[in-house]
Amino acid sequence: VVDVMLPKLDGLGLLRQLRARRVALPVIILSARATVDDRIK
């Protein structure tokens, strides 16, 4: 369970690095941002 707004490395950056390294861990994103664009990102 990963928040988007994180210090040092944000949640989306964390996710991109995991997927780039082929880590298939299922991830639920937590965020205060509720727009369709935010969910798509």
Full PDB file with SEQRES, HELIX, SHEET, SSBOND, CRYST1, ORIGX, SCALE, CONECT and MASTER records, all heavy atoms in Angstrom:
SEQRES   1 A   41  VAL VAL ASP VAL MET LEU PRO LYS LEU ASP GLY LEU GLY          
SEQRES   2 A   41  LEU LEU ARG GLN LEU ARG ALA ARG ARG VAL ALA LEU PRO          
SEQRES   3 A   41  VAL ILE ILE LEU SER ALA ARG ALA THR VAL ASP ASP ARG          
SEQRES   4 A   41  ILE LYS                                                      
HELIX    1 AA1 GLY A   11  ALA A   20  1                                  10    
HELIX    2 AA2 VAL A   36  ILE A   40  1                                   5    
SHEET    1 AA1 2 VAL A   2  ASP A   3  0                                        
SHEET    2 AA1 2 ILE A  29  LEU A  30  1                                        
CRYST1    1.000    1.000    1.000  90.00  90.00  90.00 P 1           1          
ORIGX1      1.000000  0.000000  0.000000        0.00000                         
ORIGX2      0.000000  1.000000  0.000000        0.00000                         
ORIGX3      0.000000  0.000000  1.000000        0.00000                         
SCALE1      1.000000  0.000000  0.000000        0.00000                         
SCALE2      0.000000  1.000000  0.000000        0.00000                         
SCALE3      0.000000  0.000000  1.000000        0.00000                         
ATOM      1  N   VAL A   1       0.882  -1.166   0.000  1.00  0.00           N  
ATOM      2  CA  VAL A   1       0.000   0.000   0.000  1.00  0.00           C  
ATOM      3  C   VAL A   1       0.916   1.210   0.000  1.00  0.00           C  
ATOM      4  O   VAL A   1       1.681   1.416   0.958  1.00  0.00           O  
ATOM      5  CB  VAL A   1      -0.914   0.004   1.234  1.00  0.00           C  
ATOM      6  CG1 VAL A   1      -1.805   1.243   1.235  1.00  0.00           C  
ATOM      7  CG2 VAL A   1      -1.758  -1.270   1.287  1.00  0.00           C  
ATOM      8  N   VAL A   2       0.858   2.021  -1.065  1.00  0.00           N  
ATOM      9  CA  VAL A   2       1.851   3.083  -1.257  1.00  0.00           C  
ATOM     10  C   VAL A   2       1.175   4.440  -1.429  1.00  0.00           C  
ATOM     11  O   VAL A   2       0.334   4.618  -2.324  1.00  0.00           O  
ATOM     12  CB  VAL A   2       2.737   2.783  -2.482  1.00  0.00           C  
ATOM     13  CG1 VAL A   2       3.741   3.911  -2.713  1.00  0.00           C  
ATOM     14  CG2 VAL A   2       3.462   1.451  -2.307  1.00  0.00           C  
ATOM     15  N   ASP A   3       1.565   5.408  -0.599  1.00  0.00           N  
ATOM     16  CA  ASP A   3       1.082   6.774  -0.737  1.00  0.00           C  
ATOM     17  C   ASP A   3       1.800   7.446  -1.911  1.00  0.00           C  
ATOM     18  O   ASP A   3       2.922   7.072  -2.256  1.00  0.00           O  
ATOM     19  CB  ASP A   3       1.362   7.537   0.567  1.00  0.00           C  
ATOM     20  CG  ASP A   3       0.794   8.941   0.541  1.00  0.00           C  
ATOM     21  OD1 ASP A   3      -0.247   9.141  -0.109  1.00  0.00           O  
ATOM     22  OD2 ASP A   3       1.394   9.833   1.162  1.00  0.00           O  
ATOM     23  N   VAL A   4       1.153   8.436  -2.519  1.00  0.00           N  
ATOM     24  CA  VAL A   4       1.777   9.149  -3.635  1.00  0.00           C  
ATOM     25  C   VAL A   4       2.769  10.195  -3.143  1.00  0.00           C  
ATOM     26  O   VAL A   4       3.918  10.263  -3.594  1.00  0.00           O  
ATOM     27  CB  VAL A   4       0.704   9.811  -4.528  1.00  0.00           C  
ATOM     28  CG1 VAL A   4       1.370  10.739  -5.551  1.00  0.00           C  
ATOM     29  CG2 VAL A   4      -0.107   8.749  -5.257  1.00  0.00           C  
ATOM     30  N   MET A   5       2.351  11.039  -2.206  1.00  0.00           N  
ATOM     31  CA  MET A   5       3.198  12.129  -1.726  1.00  0.00           C  
ATOM     32  C   MET A   5       4.115  11.632  -0.605  1.00  0.00           C  
ATOM     33  O   MET A   5       3.711  11.565   0.551  1.00  0.00           O  
ATOM     34  CB  MET A   5       2.327  13.285  -1.238  1.00  0.00           C  
ATOM     35  CG  MET A   5       1.431  13.874  -2.324  1.00  0.00           C  
ATOM     36  SD  MET A   5       2.385  14.554  -3.704  1.00  0.00           S  
ATOM     37  CE  MET A   5       3.135  15.966  -2.898  1.00  0.00           C  
ATOM     38  N   LEU A   6       5.326  11.258  -0.979  1.00  0.00           N  
ATOM     39  CA  LEU A   6       6.296  10.727  -0.021  1.00  0.00           C  
ATOM     40  C   LEU A   6       7.586  11.524  -0.082  1.00  0.00           C  
ATOM     41  O   LEU A   6       7.962  12.020  -1.145  1.00  0.00           O  
ATOM     42  CB  LEU A   6       6.616   9.259  -0.352  1.00  0.00           C  
ATOM     43  CG  LEU A   6       5.507   8.229  -0.195  1.00  0.00           C  
ATOM     44  CD1 LEU A   6       5.923   6.917  -0.848  1.00  0.00           C  
ATOM     45  CD2 LEU A   6       5.177   8.003   1.282  1.00  0.00           C  
ATOM     46  N   PRO A   7       8.299  11.638   1.043  1.00  0.00           N  
ATOM     47  CA  PRO A   7       9.615  12.279   1.010  1.00  0.00           C  
ATOM     48  C   PRO A   7      10.650  11.376   0.346  1.00  0.00           C  
ATOM     49  O   PRO A   7      10.479  10.167   0.274  1.00  0.00           O  
ATOM     50  CB  PRO A   7       9.934  12.484   2.501  1.00  0.00           C  
ATOM     51  CG  PRO A   7       9.106  11.474   3.222  1.00  0.00           C  
ATOM     52  CD  PRO A   7       7.869  11.283   2.404  1.00  0.00           C  
ATOM     53  N   LYS A   8      11.715  12.004  -0.160  1.00  0.00           N  
ATOM     54  CA  LYS A   8      12.873  11.342  -0.775  1.00  0.00           C  
ATOM     55  C   LYS A   8      12.566  10.748  -2.152  1.00  0.00           C  
ATOM     56  O   LYS A   8      13.339  10.938  -3.098  1.00  0.00           O  
ATOM     57  CB  LYS A   8      13.454  10.277   0.161  1.00  0.00           C  
ATOM     58  CG  LYS A   8      13.991  10.843   1.469  1.00  0.00           C  
ATOM     59  CD  LYS A   8      14.680   9.786   2.306  1.00  0.00           C  
ATOM     60  CE  LYS A   8      15.229  10.384   3.600  1.00  0.00           C  
ATOM     61  NZ  LYS A   8      15.907   9.374   4.431  1.00  0.00           N  
ATOM     62  N   LEU A   9      11.471   9.993  -2.250  1.00  0.00           N  
ATOM     63  CA  LEU A   9      11.067   9.422  -3.537  1.00  0.00           C  
ATOM     64  C   LEU A   9       9.561   9.279  -3.502  1.00  0.00           C  
ATOM     65  O   LEU A   9       9.017   8.606  -2.630  1.00  0.00           O  
ATOM     66  CB  LEU A   9      11.724   8.046  -3.748  1.00  0.00           C  
ATOM     67  CG  LEU A   9      11.308   7.261  -4.999  1.00  0.00           C  
ATOM     68  CD1 LEU A   9      11.770   7.985  -6.259  1.00  0.00           C  
ATOM     69  CD2 LEU A   9      11.871   5.838  -4.949  1.00  0.00           C  
ATOM     70  N   ASP A  10       8.872   9.928  -4.446  1.00  0.00           N  
ATOM     71  CA  ASP A  10       7.408   9.873  -4.378  1.00  0.00           C  
ATOM     72  C   ASP A  10       6.889   8.501  -4.800  1.00  0.00           C  
ATOM     73  O   ASP A  10       7.618   7.670  -5.364  1.00  0.00           O  
ATOM     74  CB  ASP A  10       6.763  10.990  -5.190  1.00  0.00           C  
ATOM     75  CG  ASP A  10       6.976  10.868  -6.694  1.00  0.00           C  
ATOM     76  OD1 ASP A  10       7.034   9.728  -7.209  1.00  0.00           O  
ATOM     77  OD2 ASP A  10       7.077  11.913  -7.366  1.00  0.00           O  
ATOM     78  N   GLY A  11       5.604   8.270  -4.504  1.00  0.00           N  
ATOM     79  CA  GLY A  11       5.029   6.956  -4.743  1.00  0.00           C  
ATOM     80  C   GLY A  11       5.052   6.523  -6.195  1.00  0.00           C  
ATOM     81  O   GLY A  11       5.296   5.350  -6.500  1.00  0.00           O  
ATOM     82  N   LEU A  12       4.822   7.457  -7.126  1.00  0.00           N  
ATOM     83  CA  LEU A  12       4.842   7.097  -8.542  1.00  0.00           C  
ATOM     84  C   LEU A  12       6.256   6.756  -9.003  1.00  0.00           C  
ATOM     85  O   LEU A  12       6.461   5.841  -9.798  1.00  0.00           O  
ATOM     86  CB  LEU A  12       4.253   8.232  -9.390  1.00  0.00           C  
ATOM     87  CG  LEU A  12       2.787   8.591  -9.113  1.00  0.00           C  
ATOM     88  CD1 LEU A  12       2.278   9.582 -10.155  1.00  0.00           C  
ATOM     89  CD2 LEU A  12       1.908   7.356  -9.066  1.00  0.00           C  
ATOM     90  N   GLY A  13       7.245   7.491  -8.471  1.00  0.00           N  
ATOM     91  CA  GLY A  13       8.634   7.176  -8.786  1.00  0.00           C  
ATOM     92  C   GLY A  13       9.017   5.802  -8.255  1.00  0.00           C  
ATOM     93  O   GLY A  13       9.720   5.035  -8.921  1.00  0.00           O  
ATOM     94  N   LEU A  14       8.551   5.504  -7.053  1.00  0.00           N  
ATOM     95  CA  LEU A  14       8.797   4.187  -6.465  1.00  0.00           C  
ATOM     96  C   LEU A  14       8.217   3.099  -7.361  1.00  0.00           C  
ATOM     97  O   LEU A  14       8.871   2.101  -7.667  1.00  0.00           O  
ATOM     98  CB  LEU A  14       8.161   4.136  -5.070  1.00  0.00           C  
ATOM     99  CG  LEU A  14       8.388   2.888  -4.195  1.00  0.00           C  
ATOM    100  CD1 LEU A  14       8.149   3.246  -2.729  1.00  0.00           C  
ATOM    101  CD2 LEU A  14       7.476   1.738  -4.585  1.00  0.00           C  
ATOM    102  N   LEU A  15       6.971   3.311  -7.798  1.00  0.00           N  
ATOM    103  CA  LEU A  15       6.305   2.334  -8.658  1.00  0.00           C  
ATOM    104  C   LEU A  15       7.052   2.131  -9.974  1.00  0.00           C  
ATOM    105  O   LEU A  15       7.254   0.996 -10.426  1.00  0.00           O  
ATOM    106  CB  LEU A  15       4.881   2.797  -8.946  1.00  0.00           C  
ATOM    107  CG  LEU A  15       3.794   2.287  -8.005  1.00  0.00           C  
ATOM    108  CD1 LEU A  15       2.490   3.026  -8.260  1.00  0.00           C  
ATOM    109  CD2 LEU A  15       3.605   0.795  -8.178  1.00  0.00           C  
ATOM    110  N   ARG A  16       7.445   3.226 -10.592  1.00  0.00           N  
ATOM    111  CA  ARG A  16       8.136   3.122 -11.887  1.00  0.00           C  
ATOM    112  C   ARG A  16       9.435   2.331 -11.751  1.00  0.00           C  
ATOM    113  O   ARG A  16       9.778   1.521 -12.625  1.00  0.00           O  
ATOM    114  CB  ARG A  16       8.420   4.515 -12.451  1.00  0.00           C  
ATOM    115  CG  ARG A  16       7.151   5.274 -12.864  1.00  0.00           C  
ATOM    116  CD  ARG A  16       7.490   6.553 -13.607  1.00  0.00           C  
ATOM    117  NE  ARG A  16       6.288   7.337 -13.890  1.00  0.00           N  
ATOM    118  CZ  ARG A  16       5.870   8.361 -13.161  1.00  0.00           C  
ATOM    119  NH1 ARG A  16       6.575   8.759 -12.100  1.00  0.00           N  
ATOM    120  NH2 ARG A  16       4.763   9.009 -13.487  1.00  0.00           N  
ATOM    121  N   GLN A  17      10.152   2.560 -10.645  1.00  0.00           N  
ATOM    122  CA  GLN A  17      11.403   1.829 -10.445  1.00  0.00           C  
ATOM    123  C   GLN A  17      11.144   0.345 -10.201  1.00  0.00           C  
ATOM    124  O   GLN A  17      11.871  -0.517 -10.687  1.00  0.00           O  
ATOM    125  CB  GLN A  17      12.194   2.447  -9.286  1.00  0.00           C  
ATOM    126  CG  GLN A  17      12.753   3.823  -9.607  1.00  0.00           C  
ATOM    127  CD  GLN A  17      13.845   4.246  -8.646  1.00  0.00           C  
ATOM    128  OE1 GLN A  17      14.703   3.439  -8.279  1.00  0.00           O  
ATOM    129  NE2 GLN A  17      13.823   5.507  -8.239  1.00  0.00           N  
ATOM    130  N   LEU A  18      10.088   0.038  -9.442  1.00  0.00           N  
ATOM    131  CA  LEU A  18       9.741  -1.367  -9.208  1.00  0.00           C  
ATOM    132  C   LEU A  18       9.435  -2.075 -10.519  1.00  0.00           C  
ATOM    133  O   LEU A  18       9.927  -3.174 -10.787  1.00  0.00           O  
ATOM    134  CB  LEU A  18       8.527  -1.470  -8.277  1.00  0.00           C  
ATOM    135  CG  LEU A  18       8.734  -1.297  -6.777  1.00  0.00           C  
ATOM    136  CD1 LEU A  18       7.409  -1.472  -6.047  1.00  0.00           C  
ATOM    137  CD2 LEU A  18       9.757  -2.303  -6.248  1.00  0.00           C  
ATOM    138  N   ARG A  19       8.609  -1.432 -11.342  1.00  0.00           N  
ATOM    139  CA  ARG A  19       8.214  -2.078 -12.595  1.00  0.00           C  
ATOM    140  C   ARG A  19       9.378  -2.159 -13.577  1.00  0.00           C  
ATOM    141  O   ARG A  19       9.516  -3.143 -14.313  1.00  0.00           O  
ATOM    142  CB  ARG A  19       7.034  -1.332 -13.221  1.00  0.00           C  
ATOM    143  CG  ARG A  19       5.772  -1.273 -12.355  1.00  0.00           C  
ATOM    144  CD  ARG A  19       5.450  -2.585 -11.656  1.00  0.00           C  
ATOM    145  NE  ARG A  19       4.212  -2.526 -10.898  1.00  0.00           N  
ATOM    146  CZ  ARG A  19       3.957  -3.235  -9.816  1.00  0.00           C  
ATOM    147  NH1 ARG A  19       4.889  -4.074  -9.354  1.00  0.00           N  
ATOM    148  NH2 ARG A  19       2.796  -3.135  -9.185  1.00  0.00           N  
ATOM    149  N   ALA A  20      10.251  -1.144 -13.564  1.00  0.00           N  
ATOM    150  CA  ALA A  20      11.424  -1.175 -14.440  1.00  0.00           C  
ATOM    151  C   ALA A  20      12.350  -2.331 -14.059  1.00  0.00           C  
ATOM    152  O   ALA A  20      13.034  -2.902 -14.920  1.00  0.00           O  
ATOM    153  CB  ALA A  20      12.176   0.146 -14.367  1.00  0.00           C  
ATOM    154  N   ARG A  21      12.342  -2.669 -12.774  1.00  0.00           N  
ATOM    155  CA  ARG A  21      13.185  -3.767 -12.290  1.00  0.00           C  
ATOM    156  C   ARG A  21      12.427  -5.087 -12.267  1.00  0.00           C  
ATOM    157  O   ARG A  21      12.866  -6.064 -11.675  1.00  0.00           O  
ATOM    158  CB  ARG A  21      13.723  -3.410 -10.900  1.00  0.00           C  
ATOM    159  CG  ARG A  21      14.585  -2.157 -10.910  1.00  0.00           C  
ATOM    160  CD  ARG A  21      14.939  -1.682  -9.526  1.00  0.00           C  
ATOM    161  NE  ARG A  21      15.553  -0.343  -9.575  1.00  0.00           N  
ATOM    162  CZ  ARG A  21      15.961   0.335  -8.513  1.00  0.00           C  
ATOM    163  NH1 ARG A  21      15.831  -0.191  -7.295  1.00  0.00           N  
ATOM    164  NH2 ARG A  21      16.504   1.538  -8.653  1.00  0.00           N  
ATOM    165  N   ARG A  22      11.238  -5.094 -12.868  1.00  0.00           N  
ATOM    166  CA  ARG A  22      10.422  -6.293 -13.021  1.00  0.00           C  
ATOM    167  C   ARG A  22       9.994  -6.901 -11.690  1.00  0.00           C  
ATOM    168  O   ARG A  22       9.912  -8.123 -11.544  1.00  0.00           O  
ATOM    169  CB  ARG A  22      11.146  -7.341 -13.891  1.00  0.00           C  
ATOM    170  CG  ARG A  22      11.471  -6.824 -15.282  1.00  0.00           C  
ATOM    171  CD  ARG A  22      12.014  -7.931 -16.177  1.00  0.00           C  
ATOM    172  NE  ARG A  22      12.349  -7.409 -17.490  1.00  0.00           N  
ATOM    173  CZ  ARG A  22      11.474  -7.209 -18.467  1.00  0.00           C  
ATOM    174  NH1 ARG A  22      10.199  -7.491 -18.259  1.00  0.00           N  
ATOM    175  NH2 ARG A  22      11.864  -6.742 -19.648  1.00  0.00           N  
ATOM    176  N   VAL A  23       9.740  -6.051 -10.721  1.00  0.00           N  
ATOM    177  CA  VAL A  23       9.172  -6.512  -9.453  1.00  0.00           C  
ATOM    178  C   VAL A  23       7.654  -6.517  -9.613  1.00  0.00           C  
ATOM    179  O   VAL A  23       7.044  -5.470  -9.845  1.00  0.00           O  
ATOM    180  CB  VAL A  23       9.577  -5.590  -8.279  1.00  0.00           C  
ATOM    181  CG1 VAL A  23       8.915  -6.052  -6.989  1.00  0.00           C  
ATOM    182  CG2 VAL A  23      11.095  -5.578  -8.133  1.00  0.00           C  
ATOM    183  N   ALA A  24       7.047  -7.684  -9.515  1.00  0.00           N  
ATOM    184  CA  ALA A  24       5.624  -7.832  -9.829  1.00  0.00           C  
ATOM    185  C   ALA A  24       4.719  -7.679  -8.608  1.00  0.00           C  
ATOM    186  O   ALA A  24       3.566  -8.084  -8.631  1.00  0.00           O  
ATOM    187  CB  ALA A  24       5.383  -9.191 -10.476  1.00  0.00           C  
ATOM    188  N   LEU A  25       5.233  -7.109  -7.534  1.00  0.00           N  
ATOM    189  CA  LEU A  25       4.461  -6.940  -6.301  1.00  0.00           C  
ATOM    190  C   LEU A  25       3.178  -6.149  -6.566  1.00  0.00           C  
ATOM    191  O   LEU A  25       3.232  -5.042  -7.096  1.00  0.00           O  
ATOM    192  CB  LEU A  25       5.326  -6.193  -5.278  1.00  0.00           C  
ATOM    193  CG  LEU A  25       4.672  -5.794  -3.963  1.00  0.00           C  
ATOM    194  CD1 LEU A  25       4.335  -7.031  -3.136  1.00  0.00           C  
ATOM    195  CD2 LEU A  25       5.609  -4.867  -3.181  1.00  0.00           C  
ATOM    196  N   PRO A  26       2.000  -6.684  -6.211  1.00  0.00           N  
ATOM    197  CA  PRO A  26       0.751  -5.925  -6.375  1.00  0.00           C  
ATOM    198  C   PRO A  26       0.762  -4.683  -5.478  1.00  0.00           C  
ATOM    199  O   PRO A  26       1.154  -4.761  -4.311  1.00  0.00           O  
ATOM    200  CB  PRO A  26      -0.326  -6.909  -5.927  1.00  0.00           C  
ATOM    201  CG  PRO A  26       0.296  -8.260  -6.056  1.00  0.00           C  
ATOM    202  CD  PRO A  26       1.746  -8.049  -5.728  1.00  0.00           C  
ATOM    203  N   VAL A  27       0.339  -3.542  -6.032  1.00  0.00           N  
ATOM    204  CA  VAL A  27       0.415  -2.277  -5.297  1.00  0.00           C  
ATOM    205  C   VAL A  27      -0.921  -1.531  -5.355  1.00  0.00           C  
ATOM    206  O   VAL A  27      -1.493  -1.354  -6.436  1.00  0.00           O  
ATOM    207  CB  VAL A  27       1.525  -1.367  -5.867  1.00  0.00           C  
ATOM    208  CG1 VAL A  27       1.499   0.002  -5.178  1.00  0.00           C  
ATOM    209  CG2 VAL A  27       2.890  -2.016  -5.697  1.00  0.00           C  
ATOM    210  N   ILE A  28      -1.382  -1.103  -4.181  1.00  0.00           N  
ATOM    211  CA  ILE A  28      -2.531  -0.206  -4.086  1.00  0.00           C  
ATOM    212  C   ILE A  28      -1.998   1.191  -3.798  1.00  0.00           C  
ATOM    213  O   ILE A  28      -1.244   1.386  -2.844  1.00  0.00           O  
ATOM    214  CB  ILE A  28      -3.487  -0.628  -2.967  1.00  0.00           C  
ATOM    215  CG1 ILE A  28      -4.099  -2.002  -3.272  1.00  0.00           C  
ATOM    216  CG2 ILE A  28      -4.610   0.414  -2.797  1.00  0.00           C  
ATOM    217  CD1 ILE A  28      -4.996  -2.516  -2.164  1.00  0.00           C  
ATOM    218  N   ILE A  29      -2.369   2.153  -4.630  1.00  0.00           N  
ATOM    219  CA  ILE A  29      -1.926   3.533  -4.444  1.00  0.00           C  
ATOM    220  C   ILE A  29      -2.912   4.267  -3.546  1.00  0.00           C  
ATOM    221  O   ILE A  29      -4.121   4.189  -3.742  1.00  0.00           O  
ATOM    222  CB  ILE A  29      -1.843   4.256  -5.804  1.00  0.00           C  
ATOM    223  CG1 ILE A  29      -0.835   3.555  -6.720  1.00  0.00           C  
ATOM    224  CG2 ILE A  29      -1.480   5.724  -5.622  1.00  0.00           C  
ATOM    225  CD1 ILE A  29      -0.867   4.062  -8.145  1.00  0.00           C  
ATOM    226  N   LEU A  30      -2.382   4.990  -2.564  1.00  0.00           N  
ATOM    227  CA  LEU A  30      -3.195   5.869  -1.736  1.00  0.00           C  
ATOM    228  C   LEU A  30      -2.890   7.304  -2.131  1.00  0.00           C  
ATOM    229  O   LEU A  30      -1.730   7.674  -2.290  1.00  0.00           O  
ATOM    230  CB  LEU A  30      -2.863   5.690  -0.244  1.00  0.00           C  
ATOM    231  CG  LEU A  30      -3.211   4.361   0.414  1.00  0.00           C  
ATOM    232  CD1 LEU A  30      -2.855   4.433   1.902  1.00  0.00           C  
ATOM    233  CD2 LEU A  30      -4.679   4.023   0.247  1.00  0.00           C  
ATOM    234  N   SER A  31      -3.926   8.122  -2.287  1.00  0.00           N  
ATOM    235  CA  SER A  31      -3.671   9.506  -2.672  1.00  0.00           C  
ATOM    236  C   SER A  31      -4.848  10.400  -2.327  1.00  0.00           C  
ATOM    237  O   SER A  31      -6.002   9.972  -2.359  1.00  0.00           O  
ATOM    238  CB  SER A  31      -3.407   9.596  -4.178  1.00  0.00           C  
ATOM    239  OG  SER A  31      -3.216  10.939  -4.574  1.00  0.00           O  
ATOM    240  N   ALA A  32      -4.527  11.647  -1.996  1.00  0.00           N  
ATOM    241  CA  ALA A  32      -5.569  12.645  -1.780  1.00  0.00           C  
ATOM    242  C   ALA A  32      -6.037  13.214  -3.111  1.00  0.00           C  
ATOM    243  O   ALA A  32      -7.040  13.932  -3.172  1.00  0.00           O  
ATOM    244  CB  ALA A  32      -5.031  13.768  -0.892  1.00  0.00           C  
ATOM    245  N   ARG A  33      -5.319  12.900  -4.180  1.00  0.00           N  
ATOM    246  CA  ARG A  33      -5.665  13.381  -5.511  1.00  0.00           C  
ATOM    247  C   ARG A  33      -6.712  12.456  -6.121  1.00  0.00           C  
ATOM    248  O   ARG A  33      -6.458  11.270  -6.307  1.00  0.00           O  
ATOM    249  CB  ARG A  33      -4.422  13.424  -6.392  1.00  0.00           C  
ATOM    250  CG  ARG A  33      -3.346  14.378  -5.866  1.00  0.00           C  
ATOM    251  CD  ARG A  33      -2.081  14.252  -6.664  1.00  0.00           C  
ATOM    252  NE  ARG A  33      -1.067  15.214  -6.249  1.00  0.00           N  
ATOM    253  CZ  ARG A  33       0.177  15.234  -6.712  1.00  0.00           C  
ATOM    254  NH1 ARG A  33       0.552  14.333  -7.617  1.00  0.00           N  
ATOM    255  NH2 ARG A  33       1.040  16.128  -6.281  1.00  0.00           N  
ATOM    256  N   ALA A  34      -7.864  13.021  -6.454  1.00  0.00           N  
ATOM    257  CA  ALA A  34      -8.991  12.176  -6.854  1.00  0.00           C  
ATOM    258  C   ALA A  34      -9.445  12.357  -8.294  1.00  0.00           C  
ATOM    259  O   ALA A  34     -10.446  11.780  -8.704  1.00  0.00           O  
ATOM    260  CB  ALA A  34     -10.175  12.434  -5.921  1.00  0.00           C  
ATOM    261  N   THR A  35      -8.713  13.146  -9.097  1.00  0.00           N  
ATOM    262  CA  THR A  35      -9.161  13.371 -10.469  1.00  0.00           C  
ATOM    263  C   THR A  35      -8.902  12.133 -11.328  1.00  0.00           C  
ATOM    264  O   THR A  35      -8.074  11.282 -10.994  1.00  0.00           O  
ATOM    265  CB  THR A  35      -8.438  14.569 -11.103  1.00  0.00           C  
ATOM    266  OG1 THR A  35      -7.062  14.227 -11.315  1.00  0.00           O  
ATOM    267  CG2 THR A  35      -8.547  15.805 -10.223  1.00  0.00           C  
ATOM    268  N   VAL A  36      -9.602  12.057 -12.437  1.00  0.00           N  
ATOM    269  CA  VAL A  36      -9.414  10.942 -13.367  1.00  0.00           C  
ATOM    270  C   VAL A  36      -7.970  10.910 -13.868  1.00  0.00           C  
ATOM    271  O   VAL A  36      -7.356   9.839 -13.956  1.00  0.00           O  
ATOM    272  CB  VAL A  36     -10.391  11.065 -14.561  1.00  0.00           C  
ATOM    273  CG1 VAL A  36     -10.069  10.013 -15.623  1.00  0.00           C  
ATOM    274  CG2 VAL A  36     -11.827  10.906 -14.081  1.00  0.00           C  
ATOM    275  N   ASP A  37      -7.401  12.075 -14.182  1.00  0.00           N  
ATOM    276  CA  ASP A  37      -6.016  12.136 -14.663  1.00  0.00           C  
ATOM    277  C   ASP A  37      -5.041  11.577 -13.634  1.00  0.00           C  
ATOM    278  O   ASP A  37      -4.085  10.882 -13.984  1.00  0.00           O  
ATOM    279  CB  ASP A  37      -5.633  13.579 -15.007  1.00  0.00           C  
ATOM    280  CG  ASP A  37      -6.239  14.039 -16.329  1.00  0.00           C  
ATOM    281  OD1 ASP A  37      -6.702  13.163 -17.097  1.00  0.00           O  
ATOM    282  OD2 ASP A  37      -6.244  15.255 -16.579  1.00  0.00           O  
ATOM    283  N   ASP A  38      -5.276  11.902 -12.349  1.00  0.00           N  
ATOM    284  CA  ASP A  38      -4.392  11.397 -11.293  1.00  0.00           C  
ATOM    285  C   ASP A  38      -4.472   9.876 -11.201  1.00  0.00           C  
ATOM    286  O   ASP A  38      -3.448   9.190 -11.048  1.00  0.00           O  
ATOM    287  CB  ASP A  38      -4.758  12.020  -9.947  1.00  0.00           C  
ATOM    288  CG  ASP A  38      -4.366  13.485  -9.857  1.00  0.00           C  
ATOM    289  OD1 ASP A  38      -3.298  13.840 -10.375  1.00  0.00           O  
ATOM    290  OD2 ASP A  38      -5.142  14.271  -9.275  1.00  0.00           O  
ATOM    291  N   ARG A  39      -5.689   9.346 -11.296  1.00  0.00           N  
ATOM    292  CA  ARG A  39      -5.847   7.892 -11.227  1.00  0.00           C  
ATOM    293  C   ARG A  39      -5.176   7.214 -12.423  1.00  0.00           C  
ATOM    294  O   ARG A  39      -4.530   6.168 -12.270  1.00  0.00           O  
ATOM    295  CB  ARG A  39      -7.326   7.519 -11.156  1.00  0.00           C  
ATOM    296  CG  ARG A  39      -8.004   7.951  -9.858  1.00  0.00           C  
ATOM    297  CD  ARG A  39      -9.309   7.219  -9.623  1.00  0.00           C  
ATOM    298  NE  ARG A  39     -10.299   7.510 -10.644  1.00  0.00           N  
ATOM    299  CZ  ARG A  39     -11.146   8.530 -10.584  1.00  0.00           C  
ATOM    300  NH1 ARG A  39     -11.101   9.365  -9.547  1.00  0.00           N  
ATOM    301  NH2 ARG A  39     -12.039   8.725 -11.540  1.00  0.00           N  
ATOM    302  N   ILE A  40      -5.329   7.823 -13.580  1.00  0.00           N  
ATOM    303  CA  ILE A  40      -4.700   7.261 -14.783  1.00  0.00           C  
ATOM    304  C   ILE A  40      -3.184   7.245 -14.634  1.00  0.00           C  
ATOM    305  O   ILE A  40      -2.520   6.251 -14.959  1.00  0.00           O  
ATOM    306  CB  ILE A  40      -5.111   8.070 -16.033  1.00  0.00           C  
ATOM    307  CG1 ILE A  40      -6.587   7.821 -16.356  1.00  0.00           C  
ATOM    308  CG2 ILE A  40      -4.231   7.698 -17.226  1.00  0.00           C  
ATOM    309  CD1 ILE A  40      -7.127   8.689 -17.462  1.00  0.00           C  
ATOM    310  N   LYS A  41      -2.615   8.351 -14.143  1.00  0.00           N  
ATOM    311  CA  LYS A  41      -1.158   8.417 -13.947  1.00  0.00           C  
ATOM    312  C   LYS A  41      -0.691   7.327 -12.983  1.00  0.00           C  
ATOM    313  O   LYS A  41       0.355   6.700 -13.190  1.00  0.00           O  
ATOM    314  CB  LYS A  41      -0.760   9.788 -13.417  1.00  0.00           C  
ATOM    315  CG  LYS A  41      -0.860  10.912 -14.445  1.00  0.00           C  
ATOM    316  CD  LYS A  41      -0.509  12.256 -13.820  1.00  0.00           C  
ATOM    317  CE  LYS A  41      -0.646  13.389 -14.830  1.00  0.00           C  
ATOM    318  NZ  LYS A  41      -0.373  14.709 -14.193  1.00  0.00           N  
TER     319      LYS A  41                                                      
MASTER        0    0    0    2    2    0    0    6  318    1    0    4          
END                                                                             
